PDB file of N, CA and C in Angstrom:
ATOM      1  N   MET A   1       5.067 -57.860   9.099  1.00  0.00           N
ATOM      2  CA  MET A   1       5.799 -57.747   7.890  1.00  0.00           C
ATOM      3  C   MET A   1       6.755 -56.551   7.992  1.00  0.00           C
ATOM      4  N   LYS A   2       7.942 -56.739   7.548  1.00  0.00           N
ATOM      5  CA  LYS A   2       8.935 -55.694   7.544  1.00  0.00           C
ATOM      6  C   LYS A   2       9.080 -55.132   6.136  1.00  0.00           C
ATOM      7  N   ILE A   3       9.640 -53.945   6.076  1.00  0.00           N
ATOM      8  CA  ILE A   3       9.804 -53.291   4.782  1.00  0.00           C
ATOM      9  C   ILE A   3      10.723 -54.114   3.887  1.00  0.00           C
ATOM     10  N   LYS A   4      11.729 -54.716   4.466  1.00  0.00           N
ATOM     11  CA  LYS A   4      12.680 -55.472   3.625  1.00  0.00           C
ATOM     12  C   LYS A   4      12.043 -56.728   3.049  1.00  0.00           C
ATOM     13  N   ASP A   5      10.868 -57.117   3.505  1.00  0.00           N
ATOM     14  CA  ASP A   5      10.194 -58.288   2.953  1.00  0.00           C
ATOM     15  C   ASP A   5       9.487 -57.943   1.659  1.00  0.00           C
ATOM     16  N   PHE A   6       9.245 -56.651   1.367  1.00  0.00           N
ATOM     17  CA  PHE A   6       8.594 -56.252   0.122  1.00  0.00           C
ATOM     18  C   PHE A   6       9.602 -56.292  -1.004  1.00  0.00           C
ATOM     19  N   SER A   7       9.093 -56.440  -2.236  1.00  0.00           N
ATOM     20  CA  SER A   7      10.006 -56.454  -3.373  1.00  0.00           C
ATOM     21  C   SER A   7      10.470 -55.018  -3.658  1.00  0.00           C
ATOM     22  N   VAL A   8      11.532 -54.944  -4.463  1.00  0.00           N
ATOM     23  CA  VAL A   8      12.095 -53.625  -4.788  1.00  0.00           C
ATOM     24  C   VAL A   8      11.074 -52.732  -5.473  1.00  0.00           C
ATOM     25  N   GLY A   9      10.285 -53.264  -6.363  1.00  0.00           N
ATOM     26  CA  GLY A   9       9.284 -52.459  -7.081  1.00  0.00           C
ATOM     27  C   GLY A   9       8.241 -51.875  -6.135  1.00  0.00           C
ATOM     28  N   ILE A  10       7.802 -52.659  -5.172  1.00  0.00           N
ATOM     29  CA  ILE A  10       6.805 -52.148  -4.234  1.00  0.00           C
ATOM     30  C   ILE A  10       7.421 -51.080  -3.326  1.00  0.00           C
ATOM     31  N   ARG A  11       8.663 -51.290  -2.892  1.00  0.00           N
ATOM     32  CA  ARG A  11       9.312 -50.275  -2.055  1.00  0.00           C
ATOM     33  C   ARG A  11       9.515 -48.969  -2.824  1.00  0.00           C
ATOM     34  N   LEU A  12       9.927 -49.107  -4.107  1.00  0.00           N
ATOM     35  CA  LEU A  12      10.078 -47.881  -4.920  1.00  0.00           C
ATOM     36  C   LEU A  12       8.747 -47.190  -5.136  1.00  0.00           C
ATOM     37  N   ALA A  13       7.693 -47.948  -5.417  1.00  0.00           N
ATOM     38  CA  ALA A  13       6.380 -47.351  -5.629  1.00  0.00           C
ATOM     39  C   ALA A  13       5.881 -46.665  -4.348  1.00  0.00           C
ATOM     40  N   GLY A  14       6.103 -47.310  -3.189  1.00  0.00           N
ATOM     41  CA  GLY A  14       5.690 -46.723  -1.936  1.00  0.00           C
ATOM     42  C   GLY A  14       6.417 -45.433  -1.620  1.00  0.00           C
ATOM     43  N   SER A  15       7.744 -45.434  -1.836  1.00  0.00           N
ATOM     44  CA  SER A  15       8.496 -44.225  -1.542  1.00  0.00           C
ATOM     45  C   SER A  15       8.156 -43.103  -2.553  1.00  0.00           C
ATOM     46  N   PHE A  16       7.917 -43.492  -3.792  1.00  0.00           N
ATOM     47  CA  PHE A  16       7.535 -42.487  -4.787  1.00  0.00           C
ATOM     48  C   PHE A  16       6.167 -41.893  -4.439  1.00  0.00           C
ATOM     49  N   SER A  17       5.242 -42.727  -3.972  1.00  0.00           N
ATOM     50  CA  SER A  17       3.913 -42.235  -3.563  1.00  0.00           C
ATOM     51  C   SER A  17       4.042 -41.272  -2.383  1.00  0.00           C
ATOM     52  N   LEU A  18       4.928 -41.628  -1.435  1.00  0.00           N
ATOM     53  CA  LEU A  18       5.141 -40.757  -0.278  1.00  0.00           C
ATOM     54  C   LEU A  18       5.696 -39.404  -0.715  1.00  0.00           C
ATOM     55  N   ILE A  19       6.628 -39.421  -1.648  1.00  0.00           N
ATOM     56  CA  ILE A  19       7.213 -38.181  -2.162  1.00  0.00           C
ATOM     57  C   ILE A  19       6.143 -37.359  -2.892  1.00  0.00           C
ATOM     58  N   LEU A  20       5.288 -38.017  -3.680  1.00  0.00           N
ATOM     59  CA  LEU A  20       4.218 -37.310  -4.379  1.00  0.00           C
ATOM     60  C   LEU A  20       3.259 -36.652  -3.395  1.00  0.00           C
ATOM     61  N   VAL A  21       2.929 -37.341  -2.312  1.00  0.00           N
ATOM     62  CA  VAL A  21       2.039 -36.755  -1.294  1.00  0.00           C
ATOM     63  C   VAL A  21       2.694 -35.535  -0.657  1.00  0.00           C
ATOM     64  N   LEU A  22       3.992 -35.638  -0.362  1.00  0.00           N
ATOM     65  CA  LEU A  22       4.688 -34.488   0.222  1.00  0.00           C
ATOM     66  C   LEU A  22       4.747 -33.299  -0.746  1.00  0.00           C
ATOM     67  N   VAL A  23       4.975 -33.593  -2.024  1.00  0.00           N
ATOM     68  CA  VAL A  23       5.003 -32.521  -3.041  1.00  0.00           C
ATOM     69  C   VAL A  23       3.622 -31.867  -3.149  1.00  0.00           C
ATOM     70  N   MET A  24       2.555 -32.659  -3.079  1.00  0.00           N
ATOM     71  CA  MET A  24       1.207 -32.096  -3.151  1.00  0.00           C
ATOM     72  C   MET A  24       0.931 -31.214  -1.943  1.00  0.00           C
ATOM     73  N   ILE A  25       1.356 -31.654  -0.756  1.00  0.00           N
ATOM     74  CA  ILE A  25       1.176 -30.831   0.444  1.00  0.00           C
ATOM     75  C   ILE A  25       1.939 -29.515   0.304  1.00  0.00           C
ATOM     76  N   MET A  26       3.158 -29.572  -0.207  1.00  0.00           N
ATOM     77  CA  MET A  26       3.935 -28.356  -0.401  1.00  0.00           C
ATOM     78  C   MET A  26       3.271 -27.449  -1.434  1.00  0.00           C
ATOM     79  N   THR A  27       2.706 -28.017  -2.489  1.00  0.00           N
ATOM     80  CA  THR A  27       2.050 -27.228  -3.509  1.00  0.00           C
ATOM     81  C   THR A  27       0.821 -26.514  -2.960  1.00  0.00           C
ATOM     82  N   VAL A  28      -0.002 -27.220  -2.203  1.00  0.00           N
ATOM     83  CA  VAL A  28      -1.193 -26.609  -1.633  1.00  0.00           C
ATOM     84  C   VAL A  28      -0.808 -25.494  -0.671  1.00  0.00           C
ATOM     85  N   THR A  29       0.200 -25.744   0.160  1.00  0.00           N
ATOM     86  CA  THR A  29       0.679 -24.714   1.090  1.00  0.00           C
ATOM     87  C   THR A  29       1.221 -23.503   0.321  1.00  0.00           C
ATOM     88  N   GLY A  30       1.994 -23.745  -0.725  1.00  0.00           N
ATOM     89  CA  GLY A  30       2.550 -22.645  -1.536  1.00  0.00           C
ATOM     90  C   GLY A  30       1.465 -21.829  -2.197  1.00  0.00           C
ATOM     91  N   VAL A  31       0.452 -22.474  -2.734  1.00  0.00           N
ATOM     92  CA  VAL A  31      -0.649 -21.757  -3.385  1.00  0.00           C
ATOM     93  C   VAL A  31      -1.410 -20.905  -2.370  1.00  0.00           C
ATOM     94  N   GLY A  32      -1.579 -21.441  -1.167  1.00  0.00           N
ATOM     95  CA  GLY A  32      -2.234 -20.687  -0.102  1.00  0.00           C
ATOM     96  C   GLY A  32      -1.441 -19.422   0.240  1.00  0.00           C
ATOM     97  N   TYR A  33      -0.121 -19.570   0.360  1.00  0.00           N
ATOM     98  CA  TYR A  33       0.708 -18.405   0.677  1.00  0.00           C
ATOM     99  C   TYR A  33       0.721 -17.402  -0.473  1.00  0.00           C
ATOM    100  N   LEU A  34       0.710 -17.895  -1.712  1.00  0.00           N
ATOM    101  CA  LEU A  34       0.664 -16.975  -2.860  1.00  0.00           C
ATOM    102  C   LEU A  34      -0.669 -16.191  -2.895  1.00  0.00           C
ATOM    103  N   ASN A  35      -1.764 -16.853  -2.588  1.00  0.00           N
ATOM    104  CA  ASN A  35      -3.050 -16.143  -2.506  1.00  0.00           C
ATOM    105  C   ASN A  35      -3.046 -15.089  -1.440  1.00  0.00           C
ATOM    106  N   SER A  36      -2.443 -15.417  -0.310  1.00  0.00           N
ATOM    107  CA  SER A  36      -2.324 -14.432   0.771  1.00  0.00           C
ATOM    108  C   SER A  36      -1.459 -13.250   0.339  1.00  0.00           C
ATOM    109  N   MET A  37      -0.365 -13.505  -0.362  1.00  0.00           N
ATOM    110  CA  MET A  37       0.498 -12.414  -0.861  1.00  0.00           C
ATOM    111  C   MET A  37      -0.234 -11.601  -1.896  1.00  0.00           C
ATOM    112  N   LEU A  38      -1.043 -12.238  -2.748  1.00  0.00           N
ATOM    113  CA  LEU A  38      -1.822 -11.510  -3.772  1.00  0.00           C
ATOM    114  C   LEU A  38      -2.792 -10.551  -3.097  1.00  0.00           C
ATOM    115  N   THR A  39      -3.468 -11.019  -2.042  1.00  0.00           N
ATOM    116  CA  THR A  39      -4.396 -10.179  -1.314  1.00  0.00           C
ATOM    117  C   THR A  39      -3.675  -8.995  -0.677  1.00  0.00           C
ATOM    118  N   SER A  40      -2.522  -9.266  -0.067  1.00  0.00           N
ATOM    119  CA  SER A  40      -1.755  -8.197   0.570  1.00  0.00           C
ATOM    120  C   SER A  40      -1.254  -7.187  -0.458  1.00  0.00           C
ATOM    121  N   THR A  41      -0.771  -7.668  -1.586  1.00  0.00           N
ATOM    122  CA  THR A  41      -0.281  -6.786  -2.645  1.00  0.00           C
ATOM    123  C   THR A  41      -1.418  -5.921  -3.200  1.00  0.00           C
ATOM    124  N   ASP A  42      -2.581  -6.528  -3.383  1.00  0.00           N
ATOM    125  CA  ASP A  42      -3.743  -5.777  -3.857  1.00  0.00           C
ATOM    126  C   ASP A  42      -4.107  -4.675  -2.858  1.00  0.00           C
ATOM    127  N   ARG A  43      -4.086  -4.993  -1.578  1.00  0.00           N
ATOM    128  CA  ARG A  43      -4.403  -3.993  -0.551  1.00  0.00           C
ATOM    129  C   ARG A  43      -3.405  -2.849  -0.565  1.00  0.00           C
ATOM    130  N   VAL A  44      -2.135  -3.201  -0.727  1.00  0.00           N
ATOM    131  CA  VAL A  44      -1.087  -2.158  -0.773  1.00  0.00           C
ATOM    132  C   VAL A  44      -1.269  -1.262  -1.989  1.00  0.00           C
ATOM    133  N   MET A  45      -1.504  -1.877  -3.126  1.00  0.00           N
ATOM    134  CA  MET A  45      -1.614  -1.102  -4.359  1.00  0.00           C
ATOM    135  C   MET A  45      -2.864  -0.231  -4.405  1.00  0.00           C
ATOM    136  N   ASN A  46      -3.968  -0.768  -3.912  1.00  0.00           N
ATOM    137  CA  ASN A  46      -5.238  -0.023  -4.028  1.00  0.00           C
ATOM    138  C   ASN A  46      -5.551   0.895  -2.839  1.00  0.00           C
ATOM    139  N   ASN A  47      -4.922   0.654  -1.713  1.00  0.00           N
ATOM    140  CA  ASN A  47      -5.248   1.481  -0.536  1.00  0.00           C
ATOM    141  C   ASN A  47      -4.037   2.278  -0.060  1.00  0.00           C
ATOM    142  N   TYR A  48      -3.034   1.567   0.405  1.00  0.00           N
ATOM    143  CA  TYR A  48      -1.929   2.242   1.064  1.00  0.00           C
ATOM    144  C   TYR A  48      -1.116   3.120   0.113  1.00  0.00           C
ATOM    145  N   LEU A  49      -0.896   2.662  -1.109  1.00  0.00           N
ATOM    146  CA  LEU A  49      -0.120   3.454  -2.053  1.00  0.00           C
ATOM    147  C   LEU A  49      -0.846   4.740  -2.420  1.00  0.00           C
ATOM    148  N   LEU A  50      -2.146   4.655  -2.654  1.00  0.00           N
ATOM    149  CA  LEU A  50      -2.923   5.866  -2.956  1.00  0.00           C
ATOM    150  C   LEU A  50      -2.920   6.834  -1.777  1.00  0.00           C
ATOM    151  N   GLN A  51      -3.070   6.271  -0.563  1.00  0.00           N
ATOM    152  CA  GLN A  51      -3.041   7.137   0.619  1.00  0.00           C
ATOM    153  C   GLN A  51      -1.660   7.800   0.789  1.00  0.00           C
ATOM    154  N   GLU A  52      -0.619   7.055   0.514  1.00  0.00           N
ATOM    155  CA  GLU A  52       0.755   7.608   0.620  1.00  0.00           C
ATOM    156  C   GLU A  52       0.952   8.736  -0.393  1.00  0.00           C
ATOM    157  N   ARG A  53       0.440   8.533  -1.589  1.00  0.00           N
ATOM    158  CA  ARG A  53       0.582   9.599  -2.605  1.00  0.00           C
ATOM    159  C   ARG A  53      -0.230  10.829  -2.248  1.00  0.00           C
ATOM    160  N   MET A  54      -1.426  10.612  -1.715  1.00  0.00           N
ATOM    161  CA  MET A  54      -2.211  11.771  -1.285  1.00  0.00           C
ATOM    162  C   MET A  54      -1.529  12.501  -0.139  1.00  0.00           C
ATOM    163  N   ALA A  55      -0.949  11.749   0.796  1.00  0.00           N
ATOM    164  CA  ALA A  55      -0.239  12.371   1.926  1.00  0.00           C
ATOM    165  C   ALA A  55       0.960  13.150   1.418  1.00  0.00           C
ATOM    166  N   ASN A  56       1.667  12.601   0.450  1.00  0.00           N
ATOM    167  CA  ASN A  56       2.823  13.296  -0.119  1.00  0.00           C
ATOM    168  C   ASN A  56       2.405  14.596  -0.800  1.00  0.00           C
ATOM    169  N   GLU A  57       1.314  14.540  -1.554  1.00  0.00           N
ATOM    170  CA  GLU A  57       0.822  15.749  -2.230  1.00  0.00           C
ATOM    171  C   GLU A  57       0.344  16.776  -1.197  1.00  0.00           C
ATOM    172  N   TRP A  58      -0.306  16.304  -0.139  1.00  0.00           N
ATOM    173  CA  TRP A  58      -0.773  17.179   0.937  1.00  0.00           C
ATOM    174  C   TRP A  58       0.417  17.850   1.612  1.00  0.00           C
ATOM    175  N   GLN A  59       1.452  17.111   1.895  1.00  0.00           N
ATOM    176  CA  GLN A  59       2.645  17.688   2.551  1.00  0.00           C
ATOM    177  C   GLN A  59       3.315  18.683   1.621  1.00  0.00           C
ATOM    178  N   THR A  60       3.432  18.396   0.357  1.00  0.00           N
ATOM    179  CA  THR A  60       4.047  19.318  -0.611  1.00  0.00           C
ATOM    180  C   THR A  60       3.279  20.625  -0.679  1.00  0.00           C
ATOM    181  N   ALA A  61       1.935  20.553  -0.697  1.00  0.00           N
ATOM    182  CA  ALA A  61       1.138  21.759  -0.780  1.00  0.00           C
ATOM    183  C   ALA A  61       1.277  22.596   0.495  1.00  0.00           C
ATOM    184  N   ILE A  62       1.352  21.950   1.638  1.00  0.00           N
ATOM    185  CA  ILE A  62       1.499  22.679   2.911  1.00  0.00           C
ATOM    186  C   ILE A  62       2.884  23.353   2.973  1.00  0.00           C
ATOM    187  N   GLU A  63       3.905  22.624   2.541  1.00  0.00           N
ATOM    188  CA  GLU A  63       5.247  23.212   2.541  1.00  0.00           C
ATOM    189  C   GLU A  63       5.313  24.386   1.567  1.00  0.00           C
ATOM    190  N   SER A  64       4.644  24.234   0.418  1.00  0.00           N
ATOM    191  CA  SER A  64       4.629  25.322  -0.556  1.00  0.00           C
ATOM    192  C   SER A  64       3.917  26.543   0.029  1.00  0.00           C
ATOM    193  N   ASN A  65       2.832  26.317   0.753  1.00  0.00           N
ATOM    194  CA  ASN A  65       2.129  27.445   1.372  1.00  0.00           C
ATOM    195  C   ASN A  65       3.011  28.114   2.424  1.00  0.00           C
ATOM    196  N   GLY A  66       3.790  27.333   3.127  1.00  0.00           N
ATOM    197  CA  GLY A  66       4.725  27.930   4.111  1.00  0.00           C
ATOM    198  C   GLY A  66       5.731  28.841   3.444  1.00  0.00           C
ATOM    199  N   ALA A  67       6.295  28.356   2.330  1.00  0.00           N
ATOM    200  CA  ALA A  67       7.272  29.189   1.619  1.00  0.00           C
ATOM    201  C   ALA A  67       6.606  30.430   1.012  1.00  0.00           C
ATOM    202  N   LEU A  68       5.409  30.244   0.480  1.00  0.00           N
ATOM    203  CA  LEU A  68       4.693  31.396  -0.081  1.00  0.00           C
ATOM    204  C   LEU A  68       4.305  32.402   1.002  1.00  0.00           C
ATOM    205  N   GLY A  69       4.021  31.894   2.181  1.00  0.00           N
ATOM    206  CA  GLY A  69       3.724  32.819   3.314  1.00  0.00           C
ATOM    207  C   GLY A  69       4.944  33.670   3.649  1.00  0.00           C
ATOM    208  N   LEU A  70       6.121  33.057   3.612  1.00  0.00           N
ATOM    209  CA  LEU A  70       7.359  33.848   3.827  1.00  0.00           C
ATOM    210  C   LEU A  70       7.554  34.893   2.726  1.00  0.00           C
ATOM    211  N   VAL A  71       7.194  34.509   1.509  1.00  0.00           N
ATOM    212  CA  VAL A  71       7.289  35.477   0.394  1.00  0.00           C
ATOM    213  C   VAL A  71       6.362  36.650   0.668  1.00  0.00           C
ATOM    214  N   LEU A  72       5.149  36.369   1.136  1.00  0.00           N
ATOM    215  CA  LEU A  72       4.202  37.444   1.472  1.00  0.00           C
ATOM    216  C   LEU A  72       4.759  38.363   2.556  1.00  0.00           C
ATOM    217  N   LEU A  73       5.428  37.788   3.512  1.00  0.00           N
ATOM    218  CA  LEU A  73       5.958  38.601   4.620  1.00  0.00           C
ATOM    219  C   LEU A  73       7.162  39.441   4.205  1.00  0.00           C
ATOM    220  N   THR A  74       7.975  38.921   3.309  1.00  0.00           N
ATOM    221  CA  THR A  74       9.245  39.597   3.000  1.00  0.00           C
ATOM    222  C   THR A  74       9.249  40.400   1.723  1.00  0.00           C
ATOM    223  N   SER A  75       8.321  40.121   0.822  1.00  0.00           N
ATOM    224  CA  SER A  75       8.349  40.808  -0.487  1.00  0.00           C
ATOM    225  C   SER A  75       7.620  42.140  -0.405  1.00  0.00           C
ATOM    226  N   GLY A  76       8.203  43.092  -1.113  1.00  0.00           N
ATOM    227  CA  GLY A  76       7.581  44.406  -1.203  1.00  0.00           C
ATOM    228  C   GLY A  76       6.892  44.604  -2.551  1.00  0.00           C
ATOM    229  N   ASP A  77       7.162  43.730  -3.499  1.00  0.00           N
ATOM    230  CA  ASP A  77       6.604  43.841  -4.848  1.00  0.00           C
ATOM    231  C   ASP A  77       5.143  43.382  -4.827  1.00  0.00           C
ATOM    232  N   PRO A  78       4.205  44.243  -5.256  1.00  0.00           N
ATOM    233  CA  PRO A  78       2.787  43.868  -5.221  1.00  0.00           C
ATOM    234  C   PRO A  78       2.443  42.734  -6.192  1.00  0.00           C
ATOM    235  N   ASP A  79       3.152  42.636  -7.328  1.00  0.00           N
ATOM    236  CA  ASP A  79       2.867  41.553  -8.267  1.00  0.00           C
ATOM    237  C   ASP A  79       3.243  40.190  -7.658  1.00  0.00           C
ATOM    238  N   ILE A  80       4.383  40.163  -6.976  1.00  0.00           N
ATOM    239  CA  ILE A  80       4.807  38.915  -6.346  1.00  0.00           C
ATOM    240  C   ILE A  80       3.860  38.544  -5.205  1.00  0.00           C
ATOM    241  N   ARG A  81       3.425  39.563  -4.464  1.00  0.00           N
ATOM    242  CA  ARG A  81       2.477  39.281  -3.349  1.00  0.00           C
ATOM    243  C   ARG A  81       1.146  38.759  -3.884  1.00  0.00           C
ATOM    244  N   THR A  82       0.685  39.343  -4.999  1.00  0.00           N
ATOM    245  CA  THR A  82      -0.579  38.899  -5.600  1.00  0.00           C
ATOM    246  C   THR A  82      -0.450  37.436  -6.080  1.00  0.00           C
ATOM    247  N   TYR A  83       0.673  37.170  -6.748  1.00  0.00           N
ATOM    248  CA  TYR A  83       0.919  35.795  -7.228  1.00  0.00           C
ATOM    249  C   TYR A  83       0.975  34.815  -6.058  1.00  0.00           C
ATOM    250  N   ALA A  84       1.653  35.184  -4.984  1.00  0.00           N
ATOM    251  CA  ALA A  84       1.780  34.312  -3.829  1.00  0.00           C
ATOM    252  C   ALA A  84       0.412  34.078  -3.167  1.00  0.00           C
ATOM    253  N   GLN A  85      -0.411  35.132  -3.087  1.00  0.00           N
ATOM    254  CA  GLN A  85      -1.741  34.961  -2.501  1.00  0.00           C
ATOM    255  C   GLN A  85      -2.609  34.034  -3.353  1.00  0.00           C
ATOM    256  N   GLN A  86      -2.511  34.156  -4.679  1.00  0.00           N
ATOM    257  CA  GLN A  86      -3.306  33.284  -5.566  1.00  0.00           C
ATOM    258  C   GLN A  86      -2.853  31.825  -5.405  1.00  0.00           C
ATOM    259  N   ARG A  87      -1.538  31.609  -5.333  1.00  0.00           N
ATOM    260  CA  ARG A  87      -1.022  30.248  -5.180  1.00  0.00           C
ATOM    261  C   ARG A  87      -1.422  29.670  -3.813  1.00  0.00           C
ATOM    262  N   ILE A  88      -1.394  30.482  -2.795  1.00  0.00           N
ATOM    263  CA  ILE A  88      -1.798  30.008  -1.464  1.00  0.00           C
ATOM    264  C   ILE A  88      -3.264  29.598  -1.458  1.00  0.00           C
ATOM    265  N   LYS A  89      -4.124  30.384  -2.115  1.00  0.00           N
ATOM    266  CA  LYS A  89      -5.553  30.023  -2.195  1.00  0.00           C
ATOM    267  C   LYS A  89      -5.739  28.711  -2.965  1.00  0.00           C
ATOM    268  N   LYS A  90      -4.992  28.578  -4.080  1.00  0.00           N
ATOM    269  CA  LYS A  90      -5.104  27.361  -4.878  1.00  0.00           C
ATOM    270  C   LYS A  90      -4.609  26.167  -4.090  1.00  0.00           C
ATOM    271  N   ASN A  91      -3.472  26.295  -3.439  1.00  0.00           N
ATOM    272  CA  ASN A  91      -2.938  25.183  -2.628  1.00  0.00           C
ATOM    273  C   ASN A  91      -3.845  24.843  -1.457  1.00  0.00           C
ATOM    274  N   SER A  92      -4.414  25.878  -0.827  1.00  0.00           N
ATOM    275  CA  SER A  92      -5.304  25.639   0.290  1.00  0.00           C
ATOM    276  C   SER A  92      -6.562  24.895  -0.128  1.00  0.00           C
ATOM    277  N   ALA A  93      -7.071  25.219  -1.300  1.00  0.00           N
ATOM    278  CA  ALA A  93      -8.236  24.515  -1.816  1.00  0.00           C
ATOM    279  C   ALA A  93      -7.919  23.041  -2.063  1.00  0.00           C
ATOM    280  N   ARG A  94      -6.733  22.796  -2.634  1.00  0.00           N
ATOM    281  CA  ARG A  94      -6.324  21.390  -2.870  1.00  0.00           C
ATOM    282  C   ARG A  94      -6.103  20.660  -1.549  1.00  0.00           C
ATOM    283  N   VAL A  95      -5.517  21.319  -0.561  1.00  0.00           N
ATOM    284  CA  VAL A  95      -5.325  20.713   0.740  1.00  0.00           C
ATOM    285  C   VAL A  95      -6.648  20.348   1.388  1.00  0.00           C
ATOM    286  N   ASP A  96      -7.653  21.222   1.258  1.00  0.00           N
ATOM    287  CA  ASP A  96      -8.973  20.941   1.802  1.00  0.00           C
ATOM    288  C   ASP A  96      -9.589  19.703   1.148  1.00  0.00           C
ATOM    289  N   ILE A  97      -9.459  19.598  -0.169  1.00  0.00           N
ATOM    290  CA  ILE A  97      -9.962  18.410  -0.884  1.00  0.00           C
ATOM    291  C   ILE A  97      -9.267  17.158  -0.402  1.00  0.00           C
ATOM    292  N   LEU A  98      -7.938  17.188  -0.299  1.00  0.00           N
ATOM    293  CA  LEU A  98      -7.177  16.033   0.141  1.00  0.00           C
ATOM    294  C   LEU A  98      -7.531  15.654   1.578  1.00  0.00           C
ATOM    295  N   GLN A  99      -7.729  16.646   2.422  1.00  0.00           N
ATOM    296  CA  GLN A  99      -8.073  16.367   3.820  1.00  0.00           C
ATOM    297  C   GLN A  99      -9.448  15.729   3.911  1.00  0.00           C
ATOM    298  N   ASP A 100     -10.394  16.160   3.088  1.00  0.00           N
ATOM    299  CA  ASP A 100     -11.718  15.526   3.085  1.00  0.00           C
ATOM    300  C   ASP A 100     -11.620  14.071   2.628  1.00  0.00           C
ATOM    301  N   LYS A 101     -10.793  13.813   1.596  1.00  0.00           N
ATOM    302  CA  LYS A 101     -10.600  12.434   1.132  1.00  0.00           C
ATOM    303  C   LYS A 101      -9.995  11.582   2.252  1.00  0.00           C
ATOM    304  N   PHE A 102      -9.002  12.133   2.925  1.00  0.00           N
ATOM    305  CA  PHE A 102      -8.389  11.378   4.043  1.00  0.00           C
ATOM    306  C   PHE A 102      -9.439  11.062   5.126  1.00  0.00           C
ATOM    307  N   ASN A 103     -10.237  12.051   5.454  1.00  0.00           N
ATOM    308  CA  ASN A 103     -11.243  11.838   6.505  1.00  0.00           C
ATOM    309  C   ASN A 103     -12.247  10.734   6.088  1.00  0.00           C
ATOM    310  N   ARG A 104     -12.616  10.720   4.820  1.00  0.00           N
ATOM    311  CA  ARG A 104     -13.554   9.679   4.350  1.00  0.00           C
ATOM    312  C   ARG A 104     -12.901   8.310   4.333  1.00  0.00           C
ATOM    313  N   GLU A 105     -11.633   8.217   3.884  1.00  0.00           N
ATOM    314  CA  GLU A 105     -10.964   6.931   3.763  1.00  0.00           C
ATOM    315  C   GLU A 105     -10.444   6.370   5.066  1.00  0.00           C
ATOM    316  N   LEU A 106     -10.062   7.232   5.974  1.00  0.00           N
ATOM    317  CA  LEU A 106      -9.437   6.748   7.213  1.00  0.00           C
ATOM    318  C   LEU A 106     -10.394   6.599   8.365  1.00  0.00           C
ATOM    319  N   THR A 107     -11.610   7.086   8.219  1.00  0.00           N
ATOM    320  CA  THR A 107     -12.565   6.959   9.313  1.00  0.00           C
ATOM    321  C   THR A 107     -13.824   6.236   8.821  1.00  0.00           C
ATOM    322  N   SER A 108     -14.505   5.633   9.732  1.00  0.00           N
ATOM    323  CA  SER A 108     -15.770   4.958   9.427  1.00  0.00           C
ATOM    324  C   SER A 108     -16.766   5.293  10.548  1.00  0.00           C
ATOM    325  N   GLU A 109     -17.907   4.653  10.529  1.00  0.00           N
ATOM    326  CA  GLU A 109     -18.901   4.910  11.578  1.00  0.00           C
ATOM    327  C   GLU A 109     -18.398   4.470  12.952  1.00  0.00           C
ATOM    328  N   GLN A 110     -17.515   3.447  12.957  1.00  0.00           N
ATOM    329  CA  GLN A 110     -16.967   2.955  14.214  1.00  0.00           C
ATOM    330  C   GLN A 110     -15.779   3.778  14.698  1.00  0.00           C
ATOM    331  N   GLY A 111     -15.239   4.592  13.869  1.00  0.00           N
ATOM    332  CA  GLY A 111     -14.067   5.411  14.248  1.00  0.00           C
ATOM    333  C   GLY A 111     -12.973   5.251  13.195  1.00  0.00           C
ATOM    334  N   ILE A 112     -11.734   5.450  13.630  1.00  0.00           N
ATOM    335  CA  ILE A 112     -10.603   5.350  12.715  1.00  0.00           C
ATOM    336  C   ILE A 112     -10.384   3.908  12.307  1.00  0.00           C
ATOM    337  N   ARG A 113     -10.131   3.676  11.002  1.00  0.00           N
ATOM    338  CA  ARG A 113      -9.859   2.324  10.507  1.00  0.00           C
ATOM    339  C   ARG A 113      -8.483   1.883  10.846  1.00  0.00           C
TER     340      ARG A 113
END
């Protein structure tokens, strides 16, 4: 039997069914890719973004300590030196906390994640 032997209605129904099957395959594939993107987005938002913000805060505190160290070296005013020393201690304490968080998040029993 050839396709041209079928009536117009059967040919239309067959081609419409084929198109529906193709659309369903595309839908299932699309939903799979969307779920994969959702997982990746969740990982970025909950892990990588937080780590990037902690790294940025860590870098800012270290740069601030560098500038305050220069103030300690060049300033002759005892009030400014006292203020700089207090800020360096505060920044160093924050850097220690951030470094501990990094060590916990980036390493595991097997090593670096």
